[in-house]
Structure formats: C-alpha cells, structure tokens
Amino acid sequence: MTGCQGEMVNEEFDVYIEDTEGNVIVDETMKSQANGFIDFWLPRDKKYRITISKDGKTVESELSTYENDATCITTMQLT
C-alpha cells in the first residue's frame, strides 16, 4: 500500500469554502489529521472557491466535485 504524508500534522487551519453562487459551505477552524491532511466532504457536481489560512499565511484555490475530478488535492501550499 502507498499513502501520502502531509507536512503539518495535527495543526489548526482556518478553512473557508464557498460555491460559485456565493453560498458558504465551510467557515471554521479545522484540524489536520495524523497524515497532515484536512478531510471534508463537499456536495457533488459543483465548483468551489477555497481559502486556507494559518499564522498569517494563506492559500486560495478552486476545487470541483464532478465525476472525474481528483478527490485528494496535494498542491495547495501556504505562502
């Protein structure tokens, strides 16, 4: 078996996610898991804007949940 290991384990992040209509889906502080990833479920067949912040660093990205979209995003880095 293979797996991924994130760099920031058991850390708290401010997570904000809204859909393209401006509806807020997530607006809370979330803790990364032992593997360094944050896990959340989003409704299918939509596009989202996501912002993750920690200690003055932020990353913004777009995600989508269509049938062939990735379910594990590893490219978001705080800057």
PDB file of N, CA and C in Angstrom:
ATOM      1  N   MET A   1       0.817  -1.178   0.000  1.00  0.00           N
ATOM      2  CA  MET A   1       0.000   0.000   0.000  1.00  0.00           C
ATOM      3  C   MET A   1       0.870   1.253   0.000  1.00  0.00           C
ATOM      4  N   THR A   2       0.340   2.283  -0.614  1.00  0.00           N
ATOM      5  CA  THR A   2       1.027   3.571  -0.576  1.00  0.00           C
ATOM      6  C   THR A   2       0.129   4.581   0.103  1.00  0.00           C
ATOM      7  N   GLY A   3       0.712   5.660   0.493  1.00  0.00           N
ATOM      8  CA  GLY A   3      -0.057   6.712   1.148  1.00  0.00           C
ATOM      9  C   GLY A   3       0.682   8.023   1.055  1.00  0.00           C
ATOM     10  N   CYS A   4       0.003   9.072   1.433  1.00  0.00           N
ATOM     11  CA  CYS A   4       0.597  10.398   1.428  1.00  0.00           C
ATOM     12  C   CYS A   4       0.772  10.859   2.864  1.00  0.00           C
ATOM     13  N   GLN A   5       1.795  11.669   3.082  1.00  0.00           N
ATOM     14  CA  GLN A   5       2.017  12.252   4.392  1.00  0.00           C
ATOM     15  C   GLN A   5       2.217  13.744   4.226  1.00  0.00           C
ATOM     16  N   GLY A   6       1.315  14.538   4.788  1.00  0.00           N
ATOM     17  CA  GLY A   6       1.438  15.988   4.756  1.00  0.00           C
ATOM     18  C   GLY A   6       2.452  16.463   5.778  1.00  0.00           C
ATOM     19  N   GLU A   7       2.895  17.696   5.625  1.00  0.00           N
ATOM     20  CA  GLU A   7       3.934  18.242   6.495  1.00  0.00           C
ATOM     21  C   GLU A   7       3.411  18.755   7.829  1.00  0.00           C
ATOM     22  N   MET A   8       2.170  19.207   7.868  1.00  0.00           N
ATOM     23  CA  MET A   8       1.652  19.861   9.071  1.00  0.00           C
ATOM     24  C   MET A   8       0.614  18.962   9.735  1.00  0.00           C
ATOM     25  N   VAL A   9       1.062  18.167  10.687  1.00  0.00           N
ATOM     26  CA  VAL A   9       0.255  17.151  11.349  1.00  0.00           C
ATOM     27  C   VAL A   9      -0.410  17.735  12.594  1.00  0.00           C
ATOM     28  N   ASN A  10      -1.697  17.435  12.762  1.00  0.00           N
ATOM     29  CA  ASN A  10      -2.455  17.859  13.945  1.00  0.00           C
ATOM     30  C   ASN A  10      -2.346  19.360  14.208  1.00  0.00           C
ATOM     31  N   GLU A  11      -2.430  20.152  13.146  1.00  0.00           N
ATOM     32  CA  GLU A  11      -2.375  21.611  13.247  1.00  0.00           C
ATOM     33  C   GLU A  11      -3.743  22.190  12.912  1.00  0.00           C
ATOM     34  N   GLU A  12      -4.051  23.366  13.451  1.00  0.00           N
ATOM     35  CA  GLU A  12      -5.321  24.012  13.168  1.00  0.00           C
ATOM     36  C   GLU A  12      -5.193  25.020  12.036  1.00  0.00           C
ATOM     37  N   PHE A  13      -6.201  25.037  11.160  1.00  0.00           N
ATOM     38  CA  PHE A  13      -6.245  25.917   9.998  1.00  0.00           C
ATOM     39  C   PHE A  13      -7.619  26.570   9.923  1.00  0.00           C
ATOM     40  N   ASP A  14      -7.661  27.799   9.464  1.00  0.00           N
ATOM     41  CA  ASP A  14      -8.935  28.449   9.174  1.00  0.00           C
ATOM     42  C   ASP A  14      -9.309  28.090   7.742  1.00  0.00           C
ATOM     43  N   VAL A  15     -10.462  27.472   7.567  1.00  0.00           N
ATOM     44  CA  VAL A  15     -10.898  26.983   6.257  1.00  0.00           C
ATOM     45  C   VAL A  15     -12.190  27.700   5.868  1.00  0.00           C
ATOM     46  N   TYR A  16     -12.199  28.258   4.665  1.00  0.00           N
ATOM     47  CA  TYR A  16     -13.389  28.933   4.140  1.00  0.00           C
ATOM     48  C   TYR A  16     -13.644  28.393   2.737  1.00  0.00           C
ATOM     49  N   ILE A  17     -14.842  27.867   2.505  1.00  0.00           N
ATOM     50  CA  ILE A  17     -15.213  27.331   1.198  1.00  0.00           C
ATOM     51  C   ILE A  17     -16.577  27.883   0.818  1.00  0.00           C
ATOM     52  N   GLU A  18     -16.668  28.401  -0.399  1.00  0.00           N
ATOM     53  CA  GLU A  18     -17.972  28.828  -0.912  1.00  0.00           C
ATOM     54  C   GLU A  18     -18.141  28.316  -2.323  1.00  0.00           C
ATOM     55  N   ASP A  19     -19.411  28.111  -2.719  1.00  0.00           N
ATOM     56  CA  ASP A  19     -19.681  27.671  -4.079  1.00  0.00           C
ATOM     57  C   ASP A  19     -19.693  28.887  -5.003  1.00  0.00           C
ATOM     58  N   THR A  20     -19.857  28.653  -6.291  1.00  0.00           N
ATOM     59  CA  THR A  20     -19.781  29.746  -7.270  1.00  0.00           C
ATOM     60  C   THR A  20     -20.951  30.713  -7.173  1.00  0.00           C
ATOM     61  N   GLU A  21     -22.003  30.328  -6.444  1.00  0.00           N
ATOM     62  CA  GLU A  21     -23.132  31.238  -6.228  1.00  0.00           C
ATOM     63  C   GLU A  21     -22.927  32.096  -4.981  1.00  0.00           C
ATOM     64  N   GLY A  22     -21.817  31.884  -4.261  1.00  0.00           N
ATOM     65  CA  GLY A  22     -21.530  32.657  -3.062  1.00  0.00           C
ATOM     66  C   GLY A  22     -22.073  32.057  -1.777  1.00  0.00           C
ATOM     67  N   ASN A  23     -22.617  30.842  -1.848  1.00  0.00           N
ATOM     68  CA  ASN A  23     -23.106  30.168  -0.648  1.00  0.00           C
ATOM     69  C   ASN A  23     -21.926  29.619   0.156  1.00  0.00           C
ATOM     70  N   VAL A  24     -21.872  29.942   1.432  1.00  0.00           N
ATOM     71  CA  VAL A  24     -20.783  29.470   2.286  1.00  0.00           C
ATOM     72  C   VAL A  24     -21.048  28.011   2.666  1.00  0.00           C
ATOM     73  N   ILE A  25     -20.073  27.163   2.376  1.00  0.00           N
ATOM     74  CA  ILE A  25     -20.177  25.734   2.668  1.00  0.00           C
ATOM     75  C   ILE A  25     -19.434  25.403   3.962  1.00  0.00           C
ATOM     76  N   VAL A  26     -18.245  25.976   4.123  1.00  0.00           N
ATOM     77  CA  VAL A  26     -17.429  25.770   5.325  1.00  0.00           C
ATOM     78  C   VAL A  26     -16.838  27.116   5.721  1.00  0.00           C
ATOM     79  N   ASP A  27     -16.902  27.448   7.000  1.00  0.00           N
ATOM     80  CA  ASP A  27     -16.254  28.631   7.554  1.00  0.00           C
ATOM     81  C   ASP A  27     -15.931  28.302   9.004  1.00  0.00           C
ATOM     82  N   GLU A  28     -14.819  27.594   9.186  1.00  0.00           N
ATOM     83  CA  GLU A  28     -14.482  27.140  10.529  1.00  0.00           C
ATOM     84  C   GLU A  28     -13.001  26.813  10.649  1.00  0.00           C
ATOM     85  N   THR A  29     -12.566  26.661  11.875  1.00  0.00           N
ATOM     86  CA  THR A  29     -11.216  26.191  12.141  1.00  0.00           C
ATOM     87  C   THR A  29     -11.256  24.677  12.134  1.00  0.00           C
ATOM     88  N   MET A  30     -10.342  24.082  11.362  1.00  0.00           N
ATOM     89  CA  MET A  30     -10.300  22.627  11.242  1.00  0.00           C
ATOM     90  C   MET A  30      -8.890  22.145  11.568  1.00  0.00           C
ATOM     91  N   LYS A  31      -8.800  20.965  12.118  1.00  0.00           N
ATOM     92  CA  LYS A  31      -7.513  20.393  12.496  1.00  0.00           C
ATOM     93  C   LYS A  31      -7.096  19.331  11.488  1.00  0.00           C
ATOM     94  N   SER A  32      -5.832  19.397  11.077  1.00  0.00           N
ATOM     95  CA  SER A  32      -5.325  18.366  10.168  1.00  0.00           C
ATOM     96  C   SER A  32      -5.193  17.048  10.933  1.00  0.00           C
ATOM     97  N   GLN A  33      -5.250  15.972  10.188  1.00  0.00           N
ATOM     98  CA  GLN A  33      -5.197  14.634  10.771  1.00  0.00           C
ATOM     99  C   GLN A  33      -3.747  14.179  10.969  1.00  0.00           C
ATOM    100  N   ALA A  34      -3.571  12.983  11.458  1.00  0.00           N
ATOM    101  CA  ALA A  34      -2.243  12.424  11.698  1.00  0.00           C
ATOM    102  C   ALA A  34      -1.433  12.304  10.405  1.00  0.00           C
ATOM    103  N   ASN A  35      -2.131  12.268   9.246  1.00  0.00           N
ATOM    104  CA  ASN A  35      -1.429  12.196   7.968  1.00  0.00           C
ATOM    105  C   ASN A  35      -1.156  13.594   7.397  1.00  0.00           C
ATOM    106  N   GLY A  36      -1.524  14.655   8.135  1.00  0.00           N
ATOM    107  CA  GLY A  36      -1.259  16.024   7.703  1.00  0.00           C
ATOM    108  C   GLY A  36      -2.298  16.603   6.761  1.00  0.00           C
ATOM    109  N   PHE A  37      -3.374  15.892   6.491  1.00  0.00           N
ATOM    110  CA  PHE A  37      -4.398  16.360   5.565  1.00  0.00           C
ATOM    111  C   PHE A  37      -5.662  16.757   6.323  1.00  0.00           C
ATOM    112  N   ILE A  38      -6.411  17.678   5.721  1.00  0.00           N
ATOM    113  CA  ILE A  38      -7.718  18.057   6.243  1.00  0.00           C
ATOM    114  C   ILE A  38      -8.753  17.334   5.393  1.00  0.00           C
ATOM    115  N   ASP A  39      -9.710  16.712   6.042  1.00  0.00           N
ATOM    116  CA  ASP A  39     -10.717  15.920   5.342  1.00  0.00           C
ATOM    117  C   ASP A  39     -12.074  16.598   5.449  1.00  0.00           C
ATOM    118  N   PHE A  40     -12.710  16.841   4.316  1.00  0.00           N
ATOM    119  CA  PHE A  40     -14.078  17.351   4.332  1.00  0.00           C
ATOM    120  C   PHE A  40     -14.803  16.868   3.088  1.00  0.00           C
ATOM    121  N   TRP A  41     -16.122  16.816   3.195  1.00  0.00           N
ATOM    122  CA  TRP A  41     -16.982  16.373   2.103  1.00  0.00           C
ATOM    123  C   TRP A  41     -17.703  17.574   1.529  1.00  0.00           C
ATOM    124  N   LEU A  42     -17.756  17.638   0.207  1.00  0.00           N
ATOM    125  CA  LEU A  42     -18.468  18.713  -0.487  1.00  0.00           C
ATOM    126  C   LEU A  42     -19.523  18.107  -1.397  1.00  0.00           C
ATOM    127  N   PRO A  43     -20.655  18.794  -1.570  1.00  0.00           N
ATOM    128  CA  PRO A  43     -21.685  18.289  -2.481  1.00  0.00           C
ATOM    129  C   PRO A  43     -21.134  18.081  -3.899  1.00  0.00           C
ATOM    130  N   ARG A  44     -21.647  17.064  -4.574  1.00  0.00           N
ATOM    131  CA  ARG A  44     -21.200  16.706  -5.923  1.00  0.00           C
ATOM    132  C   ARG A  44     -21.625  17.713  -6.981  1.00  0.00           C
ATOM    133  N   ASP A  45     -20.885  17.641  -8.096  1.00  0.00           N
ATOM    134  CA  ASP A  45     -21.219  18.359  -9.326  1.00  0.00           C
ATOM    135  C   ASP A  45     -21.292  19.876  -9.140  1.00  0.00           C
ATOM    136  N   LYS A  46     -20.316  20.410  -8.418  1.00  0.00           N
ATOM    137  CA  LYS A  46     -20.239  21.849  -8.203  1.00  0.00           C
ATOM    138  C   LYS A  46     -18.786  22.305  -8.238  1.00  0.00           C
ATOM    139  N   LYS A  47     -18.614  23.619  -8.378  1.00  0.00           N
ATOM    140  CA  LYS A  47     -17.300  24.250  -8.273  1.00  0.00           C
ATOM    141  C   LYS A  47     -17.267  25.070  -6.993  1.00  0.00           C
ATOM    142  N   TYR A  48     -16.077  25.163  -6.381  1.00  0.00           N
ATOM    143  CA  TYR A  48     -15.919  25.855  -5.118  1.00  0.00           C
ATOM    144  C   TYR A  48     -14.655  26.702  -5.122  1.00  0.00           C
ATOM    145  N   ARG A  49     -14.696  27.769  -4.324  1.00  0.00           N
ATOM    146  CA  ARG A  49     -13.501  28.559  -4.029  1.00  0.00           C
ATOM    147  C   ARG A  49     -13.134  28.245  -2.588  1.00  0.00           C
ATOM    148  N   ILE A  50     -11.867  27.946  -2.365  1.00  0.00           N
ATOM    149  CA  ILE A  50     -11.407  27.566  -1.030  1.00  0.00           C
ATOM    150  C   ILE A  50     -10.247  28.459  -0.608  1.00  0.00           C
ATOM    151  N   THR A  51     -10.275  28.865   0.647  1.00  0.00           N
ATOM    152  CA  THR A  51      -9.181  29.628   1.241  1.00  0.00           C
ATOM    153  C   THR A  51      -8.801  28.932   2.539  1.00  0.00           C
ATOM    154  N   ILE A  52      -7.509  28.652   2.702  1.00  0.00           N
ATOM    155  CA  ILE A  52      -6.988  28.053   3.926  1.00  0.00           C
ATOM    156  C   ILE A  52      -5.920  28.991   4.464  1.00  0.00           C
ATOM    157  N   SER A  53      -6.008  29.298   5.768  1.00  0.00           N
ATOM    158  CA  SER A  53      -5.064  30.230   6.391  1.00  0.00           C
ATOM    159  C   SER A  53      -4.518  29.653   7.683  1.00  0.00           C
ATOM    160  N   LYS A  54      -3.265  30.037   7.968  1.00  0.00           N
ATOM    161  CA  LYS A  54      -2.625  29.662   9.233  1.00  0.00           C
ATOM    162  C   LYS A  54      -1.444  30.586   9.471  1.00  0.00           C
ATOM    163  N   ASP A  55      -1.402  31.169  10.642  1.00  0.00           N
ATOM    164  CA  ASP A  55      -0.262  32.002  11.059  1.00  0.00           C
ATOM    165  C   ASP A  55       0.104  33.064  10.029  1.00  0.00           C
ATOM    166  N   GLY A  56      -0.896  33.734   9.471  1.00  0.00           N
ATOM    167  CA  GLY A  56      -0.644  34.812   8.521  1.00  0.00           C
ATOM    168  C   GLY A  56      -0.336  34.359   7.105  1.00  0.00           C
ATOM    169  N   LYS A  57      -0.312  33.075   6.853  1.00  0.00           N
ATOM    170  CA  LYS A  57      -0.087  32.539   5.509  1.00  0.00           C
ATOM    171  C   LYS A  57      -1.399  32.011   4.964  1.00  0.00           C
ATOM    172  N   THR A  58      -1.581  32.153   3.657  1.00  0.00           N
ATOM    173  CA  THR A  58      -2.854  31.788   3.037  1.00  0.00           C
ATOM    174  C   THR A  58      -2.629  31.107   1.698  1.00  0.00           C
ATOM    175  N   VAL A  59      -3.551  30.230   1.353  1.00  0.00           N
ATOM    176  CA  VAL A  59      -3.605  29.660   0.008  1.00  0.00           C
ATOM    177  C   VAL A  59      -5.053  29.732  -0.456  1.00  0.00           C
ATOM    178  N   GLU A  60      -5.230  30.127  -1.710  1.00  0.00           N
ATOM    179  CA  GLU A  60      -6.558  30.169  -2.323  1.00  0.00           C
ATOM    180  C   GLU A  60      -6.537  29.294  -3.559  1.00  0.00           C
ATOM    181  N   SER A  61      -7.642  28.600  -3.798  1.00  0.00           N
ATOM    182  CA  SER A  61      -7.703  27.708  -4.949  1.00  0.00           C
ATOM    183  C   SER A  61      -9.155  27.481  -5.329  1.00  0.00           C
ATOM    184  N   GLU A  62      -9.343  26.842  -6.463  1.00  0.00           N
ATOM    185  CA  GLU A  62     -10.667  26.403  -6.882  1.00  0.00           C
ATOM    186  C   GLU A  62     -10.676  24.889  -6.909  1.00  0.00           C
ATOM    187  N   LEU A  63     -11.791  24.320  -6.467  1.00  0.00           N
ATOM    188  CA  LEU A  63     -11.997  22.874  -6.480  1.00  0.00           C
ATOM    189  C   LEU A  63     -13.311  22.590  -7.173  1.00  0.00           C
ATOM    190  N   SER A  64     -13.441  21.383  -7.690  1.00  0.00           N
ATOM    191  CA  SER A  64     -14.724  20.963  -8.230  1.00  0.00           C
ATOM    192  C   SER A  64     -14.949  19.501  -7.874  1.00  0.00           C
ATOM    193  N   THR A  65     -16.216  19.112  -7.910  1.00  0.00           N
ATOM    194  CA  THR A  65     -16.585  17.769  -7.460  1.00  0.00           C
ATOM    195  C   THR A  65     -17.365  17.009  -8.531  1.00  0.00           C
ATOM    196  N   TYR A  66     -16.919  17.169  -9.764  1.00  0.00           N
ATOM    197  CA  TYR A  66     -17.559  16.433 -10.855  1.00  0.00           C
ATOM    198  C   TYR A  66     -16.987  15.022 -10.916  1.00  0.00           C
ATOM    199  N   GLU A  67     -17.619  14.158 -11.668  1.00  0.00           N
ATOM    200  CA  GLU A  67     -17.318  12.722 -11.658  1.00  0.00           C
ATOM    201  C   GLU A  67     -15.835  12.379 -11.801  1.00  0.00           C
ATOM    202  N   ASN A  68     -15.105  13.021 -12.688  1.00  0.00           N
ATOM    203  CA  ASN A  68     -13.711  12.649 -12.925  1.00  0.00           C
ATOM    204  C   ASN A  68     -12.702  13.556 -12.224  1.00  0.00           C
ATOM    205  N   ASP A  69     -13.157  14.380 -11.278  1.00  0.00           N
ATOM    206  CA  ASP A  69     -12.254  15.271 -10.554  1.00  0.00           C
ATOM    207  C   ASP A  69     -11.477  14.511  -9.484  1.00  0.00           C
ATOM    208  N   ALA A  70     -10.306  15.049  -9.168  1.00  0.00           N
ATOM    209  CA  ALA A  70      -9.465  14.462  -8.120  1.00  0.00           C
ATOM    210  C   ALA A  70     -10.164  14.579  -6.769  1.00  0.00           C
ATOM    211  N   THR A  71      -9.973  13.592  -5.923  1.00  0.00           N
ATOM    212  CA  THR A  71     -10.552  13.625  -4.585  1.00  0.00           C
ATOM    213  C   THR A  71      -9.497  13.864  -3.512  1.00  0.00           C
ATOM    214  N   CYS A  72      -8.245  13.881  -3.894  1.00  0.00           N
ATOM    215  CA  CYS A  72      -7.150  14.154  -2.973  1.00  0.00           C
ATOM    216  C   CYS A  72      -6.312  15.272  -3.588  1.00  0.00           C
ATOM    217  N   ILE A  73      -6.358  16.445  -2.997  1.00  0.00           N
ATOM    218  CA  ILE A  73      -5.643  17.604  -3.524  1.00  0.00           C
ATOM    219  C   ILE A  73      -4.372  17.794  -2.705  1.00  0.00           C
ATOM    220  N   THR A  74      -3.236  17.734  -3.369  1.00  0.00           N
ATOM    221  CA  THR A  74      -1.944  17.829  -2.659  1.00  0.00           C
ATOM    222  C   THR A  74      -1.120  19.026  -3.136  1.00  0.00           C
ATOM    223  N   THR A  75      -1.710  19.912  -3.888  1.00  0.00           N
ATOM    224  CA  THR A  75      -0.942  21.002  -4.484  1.00  0.00           C
ATOM    225  C   THR A  75      -1.111  22.339  -3.767  1.00  0.00           C
ATOM    226  N   MET A  76      -1.946  22.417  -2.769  1.00  0.00           N
ATOM    227  CA  MET A  76      -2.176  23.686  -2.077  1.00  0.00           C
ATOM    228  C   MET A  76      -1.109  23.903  -1.021  1.00  0.00           C
ATOM    229  N   GLN A  77      -0.376  25.011  -1.135  1.00  0.00           N
ATOM    230  CA  GLN A  77       0.707  25.311  -0.178  1.00  0.00           C
ATOM    231  C   GLN A  77       0.524  26.714   0.380  1.00  0.00           C
ATOM    232  N   LEU A  78       0.642  26.849   1.669  1.00  0.00           N
ATOM    233  CA  LEU A  78       0.539  28.154   2.314  1.00  0.00           C
ATOM    234  C   LEU A  78       1.732  29.019   1.918  1.00  0.00           C
ATOM    235  N   THR A  79       1.460  30.277   1.585  1.00  0.00           N
ATOM    236  CA  THR A  79       2.556  31.205   1.279  1.00  0.00           C
ATOM    237  C   THR A  79       2.344  32.509   2.001  1.00  0.00           C
TER     238      THR A  79
END
